[in-house]
Amino acid sequence: MTIKNLVLLLSTVSTALIGGLFYAYSCSVLPGLTRLADLSFLQAMQSINRAILNPLFFISFMGTLLLLPVCTWLFYEKNPSLVFYLLLIATLLYAGGVFLITMVGNVPLNNLLDGASLEKMDAKELSALRSKFEPAWNLYHSIRTIISCACIVILAYAALMSRTP
């Protein structure tokens, strides 16, 4: 296996890990959290948002952001192939539609929630905070989930195409 194929494999796996995390969250965690009362929902989201800030998440989330451009560069040639263009598309989609959406959409909302003293809030304040947080957070999450899944498909196709002469 060549270095560029190894990097392509690692890029595909890391993207699949992130896409799988977002997909599983969409299929299980969010529907469960939606059923909770405001205080319980907000406490659960605070806890989850704090727990995900761990080395395993950062390695796959940030690693993908680093691996994809390196992989794209490794497949660049004087006359770029379809594989190069597929990798470029996946890189741009991940950078803009997953990483950037997370940084400008989800993270500020997570920070807003993290700074809230939920125990000191009354029912009206909890409801207002949830209304400000949940729909926007879910929208950003849906966007990054769809885009990360599209990246997985593109990378898998690029990997298949890289094996054909």
C-alpha atoms as a PDB file:
ATOM      1  CA  MET A   1       0.000   0.000   0.000  1.00  0.00           C
ATOM      2  CA  THR A   2       1.364   3.395  -0.961  1.00  0.00           C
ATOM      3  CA  ILE A   3       1.495   6.363   1.404  1.00  0.00           C
ATOM      4  CA  LYS A   4      -1.209   8.179  -0.540  1.00  0.00           C
ATOM      5  CA  ASN A   5      -3.528   5.165  -0.365  1.00  0.00           C
ATOM      6  CA  LEU A   6      -2.849   4.832   3.365  1.00  0.00           C
ATOM      7  CA  VAL A   7      -3.695   8.512   3.864  1.00  0.00           C
ATOM      8  CA  LEU A   8      -6.839   8.020   1.757  1.00  0.00           C
ATOM      9  CA  LEU A   9      -7.824   5.078   3.960  1.00  0.00           C
ATOM     10  CA  LEU A  10      -7.208   7.078   7.148  1.00  0.00           C
ATOM     11  CA  SER A  11      -9.114  10.062   5.739  1.00  0.00           C
ATOM     12  CA  THR A  12     -12.055   7.845   4.869  1.00  0.00           C
ATOM     13  CA  VAL A  13     -12.084   6.174   8.285  1.00  0.00           C
ATOM     14  CA  SER A  14     -11.792   9.443  10.214  1.00  0.00           C
ATOM     15  CA  THR A  15     -14.565  11.018   8.139  1.00  0.00           C
ATOM     16  CA  ALA A  16     -16.723   7.944   8.695  1.00  0.00           C
ATOM     17  CA  LEU A  17     -16.141   8.142  12.440  1.00  0.00           C
ATOM     18  CA  ILE A  18     -17.335  11.745  12.550  1.00  0.00           C
ATOM     19  CA  GLY A  19     -20.233  11.114  10.177  1.00  0.00           C
ATOM     20  CA  GLY A  20     -21.210   8.050  12.184  1.00  0.00           C
ATOM     21  CA  LEU A  21     -21.109  10.014  15.421  1.00  0.00           C
ATOM     22  CA  PHE A  22     -23.373  12.708  13.983  1.00  0.00           C
ATOM     23  CA  TYR A  23     -25.700  10.144  12.380  1.00  0.00           C
ATOM     24  CA  ALA A  24     -26.034   8.093  15.567  1.00  0.00           C
ATOM     25  CA  TYR A  25     -26.661  11.270  17.540  1.00  0.00           C
ATOM     26  CA  SER A  26     -29.417  12.226  15.081  1.00  0.00           C
ATOM     27  CA  CYS A  27     -31.032   8.790  15.248  1.00  0.00           C
ATOM     28  CA  SER A  28     -30.889   8.199  18.980  1.00  0.00           C
ATOM     29  CA  VAL A  29     -29.709  10.991  21.253  1.00  0.00           C
ATOM     30  CA  LEU A  30     -31.693  13.895  19.818  1.00  0.00           C
ATOM     31  CA  PRO A  31     -35.033  12.063  19.643  1.00  0.00           C
ATOM     32  CA  GLY A  32     -34.545  10.979  23.251  1.00  0.00           C
ATOM     33  CA  LEU A  33     -33.580  14.440  24.450  1.00  0.00           C
ATOM     34  CA  THR A  34     -36.533  16.039  22.675  1.00  0.00           C
ATOM     35  CA  ARG A  35     -38.869  14.119  24.997  1.00  0.00           C
ATOM     36  CA  LEU A  36     -37.368  15.658  28.134  1.00  0.00           C
ATOM     37  CA  ALA A  37     -38.704  18.609  30.095  1.00  0.00           C
ATOM     38  CA  ASP A  38     -36.806  21.869  29.624  1.00  0.00           C
ATOM     39  CA  LEU A  39     -34.539  21.620  32.673  1.00  0.00           C
ATOM     40  CA  SER A  40     -33.689  17.972  32.007  1.00  0.00           C
ATOM     41  CA  PHE A  41     -33.047  18.663  28.317  1.00  0.00           C
ATOM     42  CA  LEU A  42     -30.765  21.610  29.043  1.00  0.00           C
ATOM     43  CA  GLN A  43     -28.877  19.730  31.771  1.00  0.00           C
ATOM     44  CA  ALA A  44     -28.402  16.733  29.479  1.00  0.00           C
ATOM     45  CA  MET A  45     -27.119  18.916  26.633  1.00  0.00           C
ATOM     46  CA  GLN A  46     -24.730  20.702  28.993  1.00  0.00           C
ATOM     47  CA  SER A  47     -23.400  17.360  30.160  1.00  0.00           C
ATOM     48  CA  ILE A  48     -23.063  15.918  26.657  1.00  0.00           C
ATOM     49  CA  ASN A  49     -21.418  19.068  25.295  1.00  0.00           C
ATOM     50  CA  ARG A  50     -18.866  18.963  28.095  1.00  0.00           C
ATOM     51  CA  ALA A  51     -18.243  15.222  27.755  1.00  0.00           C
ATOM     52  CA  ILE A  52     -17.557  15.330  24.015  1.00  0.00           C
ATOM     53  CA  LEU A  53     -14.597  17.651  24.550  1.00  0.00           C
ATOM     54  CA  ASN A  54     -12.178  14.750  24.858  1.00  0.00           C
ATOM     55  CA  PRO A  55      -9.049  13.559  23.030  1.00  0.00           C
ATOM     56  CA  LEU A  56     -10.794  10.829  21.019  1.00  0.00           C
ATOM     57  CA  PHE A  57     -13.279  13.297  19.580  1.00  0.00           C
ATOM     58  CA  PHE A  58     -10.615  15.903  18.860  1.00  0.00           C
ATOM     59  CA  ILE A  59      -8.342  13.371  17.141  1.00  0.00           C
ATOM     60  CA  SER A  60     -11.059  12.311  14.718  1.00  0.00           C
ATOM     61  CA  PHE A  61     -12.716  15.732  14.267  1.00  0.00           C
ATOM     62  CA  MET A  62      -9.511  17.737  13.846  1.00  0.00           C
ATOM     63  CA  GLY A  63      -7.606  14.822  12.322  1.00  0.00           C
ATOM     64  CA  THR A  64     -10.104  14.689   9.479  1.00  0.00           C
ATOM     65  CA  LEU A  65      -9.659  18.410   8.911  1.00  0.00           C
ATOM     66  CA  LEU A  66      -5.904  17.816   8.553  1.00  0.00           C
ATOM     67  CA  LEU A  67      -5.959  14.491   6.712  1.00  0.00           C
ATOM     68  CA  LEU A  68      -8.323  15.507   3.920  1.00  0.00           C
ATOM     69  CA  PRO A  69      -6.191  18.355   2.501  1.00  0.00           C
ATOM     70  CA  VAL A  70      -3.040  16.234   2.823  1.00  0.00           C
ATOM     71  CA  CYS A  71      -4.776  13.393   1.006  1.00  0.00           C
ATOM     72  CA  THR A  72      -5.994  15.758  -1.700  1.00  0.00           C
ATOM     73  CA  TRP A  73      -2.473  17.137  -2.137  1.00  0.00           C
ATOM     74  CA  LEU A  74      -1.009  13.628  -2.394  1.00  0.00           C
ATOM     75  CA  PHE A  75      -3.371  12.836  -5.273  1.00  0.00           C
ATOM     76  CA  TYR A  76      -2.610  16.032  -7.164  1.00  0.00           C
ATOM     77  CA  GLU A  77      -0.909  15.499 -10.520  1.00  0.00           C
ATOM     78  CA  LYS A  78      -0.074  17.679 -13.505  1.00  0.00           C
ATOM     79  CA  ASN A  79      -3.318  16.471 -15.099  1.00  0.00           C
ATOM     80  CA  PRO A  80      -5.507  15.867 -12.038  1.00  0.00           C
ATOM     81  CA  SER A  81      -7.630  12.756 -12.039  1.00  0.00           C
ATOM     82  CA  LEU A  82     -11.238  12.302 -10.959  1.00  0.00           C
ATOM     83  CA  VAL A  83      -9.915  11.007  -7.623  1.00  0.00           C
ATOM     84  CA  PHE A  84      -8.183  14.332  -6.977  1.00  0.00           C
ATOM     85  CA  TYR A  85     -11.354  16.286  -7.714  1.00  0.00           C
ATOM     86  CA  LEU A  86     -13.445  14.002  -5.518  1.00  0.00           C
ATOM     87  CA  LEU A  87     -10.975  14.482  -2.678  1.00  0.00           C
ATOM     88  CA  LEU A  88     -10.970  18.235  -3.209  1.00  0.00           C
ATOM     89  CA  ILE A  89     -14.770  18.298  -3.045  1.00  0.00           C
ATOM     90  CA  ALA A  90     -14.785  16.190   0.132  1.00  0.00           C
ATOM     91  CA  THR A  91     -12.130  18.454   1.688  1.00  0.00           C
ATOM     92  CA  LEU A  92     -14.057  21.625   0.923  1.00  0.00           C
ATOM     93  CA  LEU A  93     -17.351  20.122   2.061  1.00  0.00           C
ATOM     94  CA  TYR A  94     -15.867  18.913   5.343  1.00  0.00           C
ATOM     95  CA  ALA A  95     -14.053  22.184   6.022  1.00  0.00           C
ATOM     96  CA  GLY A  96     -17.095  24.333   5.288  1.00  0.00           C
ATOM     97  CA  GLY A  97     -20.060  22.121   5.977  1.00  0.00           C
ATOM     98  CA  VAL A  98     -18.833  20.180   8.985  1.00  0.00           C
ATOM     99  CA  PHE A  99     -15.972  22.038  10.677  1.00  0.00           C
ATOM    100  CA  LEU A 100     -17.073  25.610   9.952  1.00  0.00           C
ATOM    101  CA  ILE A 101     -20.746  24.904  10.709  1.00  0.00           C
ATOM    102  CA  THR A 102     -19.677  23.376  14.019  1.00  0.00           C
ATOM    103  CA  MET A 103     -17.431  26.327  14.895  1.00  0.00           C
ATOM    104  CA  VAL A 104     -19.819  29.153  13.933  1.00  0.00           C
ATOM    105  CA  GLY A 105     -23.099  27.378  14.679  1.00  0.00           C
ATOM    106  CA  ASN A 106     -22.974  24.621  17.269  1.00  0.00           C
ATOM    107  CA  VAL A 107     -20.046  25.804  19.405  1.00  0.00           C
ATOM    108  CA  PRO A 108     -21.450  29.296  20.159  1.00  0.00           C
ATOM    109  CA  LEU A 109     -24.749  27.688  21.135  1.00  0.00           C
ATOM    110  CA  ASN A 110     -22.888  25.163  23.298  1.00  0.00           C
ATOM    111  CA  ASN A 111     -21.028  28.059  24.958  1.00  0.00           C
ATOM    112  CA  LEU A 112     -24.296  29.913  25.547  1.00  0.00           C
ATOM    113  CA  LEU A 113     -25.746  26.844  27.216  1.00  0.00           C
ATOM    114  CA  ASP A 114     -22.586  26.128  29.173  1.00  0.00           C
ATOM    115  CA  GLY A 115     -22.634  29.613  30.672  1.00  0.00           C
ATOM    116  CA  ALA A 116     -26.220  29.284  31.897  1.00  0.00           C
ATOM    117  CA  SER A 117     -26.851  28.628  35.577  1.00  0.00           C
ATOM    118  CA  LEU A 118     -29.796  26.351  34.992  1.00  0.00           C
ATOM    119  CA  GLU A 119     -30.529  25.773  38.678  1.00  0.00           C
ATOM    120  CA  LYS A 120     -31.119  29.516  39.166  1.00  0.00           C
ATOM    121  CA  MET A 121     -33.564  29.848  36.247  1.00  0.00           C
ATOM    122  CA  ASP A 122     -37.345  29.707  36.514  1.00  0.00           C
ATOM    123  CA  ALA A 123     -39.560  27.713  34.145  1.00  0.00           C
ATOM    124  CA  LYS A 124     -40.075  30.658  31.769  1.00  0.00           C
ATOM    125  CA  GLU A 125     -36.331  31.323  31.507  1.00  0.00           C
ATOM    126  CA  LEU A 126     -35.609  27.624  30.927  1.00  0.00           C
ATOM    127  CA  SER A 127     -38.209  27.483  28.176  1.00  0.00           C
ATOM    128  CA  ALA A 128     -36.794  30.621  26.527  1.00  0.00           C
ATOM    129  CA  LEU A 129     -33.254  29.245  26.656  1.00  0.00           C
ATOM    130  CA  ARG A 130     -34.352  25.938  25.181  1.00  0.00           C
ATOM    131  CA  SER A 131     -36.264  27.744  22.421  1.00  0.00           C
ATOM    132  CA  LYS A 132     -33.168  29.777  21.601  1.00  0.00           C
ATOM    133  CA  PHE A 133     -30.842  26.758  21.709  1.00  0.00           C
ATOM    134  CA  GLU A 134     -32.611  23.627  20.456  1.00  0.00           C
ATOM    135  CA  PRO A 135     -33.998  24.547  16.988  1.00  0.00           C
ATOM    136  CA  ALA A 136     -30.824  26.333  15.878  1.00  0.00           C
ATOM    137  CA  TRP A 137     -28.519  23.653  17.288  1.00  0.00           C
ATOM    138  CA  ASN A 138     -30.538  20.886  15.609  1.00  0.00           C
ATOM    139  CA  LEU A 139     -30.487  22.734  12.275  1.00  0.00           C
ATOM    140  CA  TYR A 140     -26.700  23.119  12.362  1.00  0.00           C
ATOM    141  CA  HIS A 141     -26.353  19.527  13.462  1.00  0.00           C
ATOM    142  CA  SER A 142     -28.536  18.302  10.574  1.00  0.00           C
ATOM    143  CA  ILE A 143     -26.446  20.250   8.076  1.00  0.00           C
ATOM    144  CA  ARG A 144     -23.160  18.833   9.337  1.00  0.00           C
ATOM    145  CA  THR A 145     -24.615  15.333   9.533  1.00  0.00           C
ATOM    146  CA  ILE A 146     -25.821  15.389   5.924  1.00  0.00           C
ATOM    147  CA  ILE A 147     -22.561  16.899   4.674  1.00  0.00           C
ATOM    148  CA  SER A 148     -20.363  14.486   6.618  1.00  0.00           C
ATOM    149  CA  CYS A 149     -22.354  11.560   5.215  1.00  0.00           C
ATOM    150  CA  ALA A 150     -21.933  12.990   1.714  1.00  0.00           C
ATOM    151  CA  CYS A 151     -18.184  13.214   2.375  1.00  0.00           C
ATOM    152  CA  ILE A 152     -18.111   9.535   3.336  1.00  0.00           C
ATOM    153  CA  VAL A 153     -19.778   8.580   0.048  1.00  0.00           C
ATOM    154  CA  ILE A 154     -17.392  10.779  -1.946  1.00  0.00           C
ATOM    155  CA  LEU A 155     -14.342   9.377  -0.167  1.00  0.00           C
ATOM    156  CA  ALA A 156     -15.501   5.782  -0.570  1.00  0.00           C
ATOM    157  CA  TYR A 157     -16.005   6.398  -4.285  1.00  0.00           C
ATOM    158  CA  ALA A 158     -12.589   8.065  -4.539  1.00  0.00           C
ATOM    159  CA  ALA A 159     -11.030   5.066  -2.785  1.00  0.00           C
ATOM    160  CA  LEU A 160     -12.677   2.710  -5.278  1.00  0.00           C
ATOM    161  CA  MET A 161     -11.611   4.884  -8.196  1.00  0.00           C
ATOM    162  CA  SER A 162      -8.023   5.069  -6.942  1.00  0.00           C
ATOM    163  CA  ARG A 163      -7.744   1.272  -7.246  1.00  0.00           C
ATOM    164  CA  THR A 164      -8.735   1.141 -10.914  1.00  0.00           C
ATOM    165  CA  PRO A 165      -5.994   1.550 -13.497  1.00  0.00           C
END
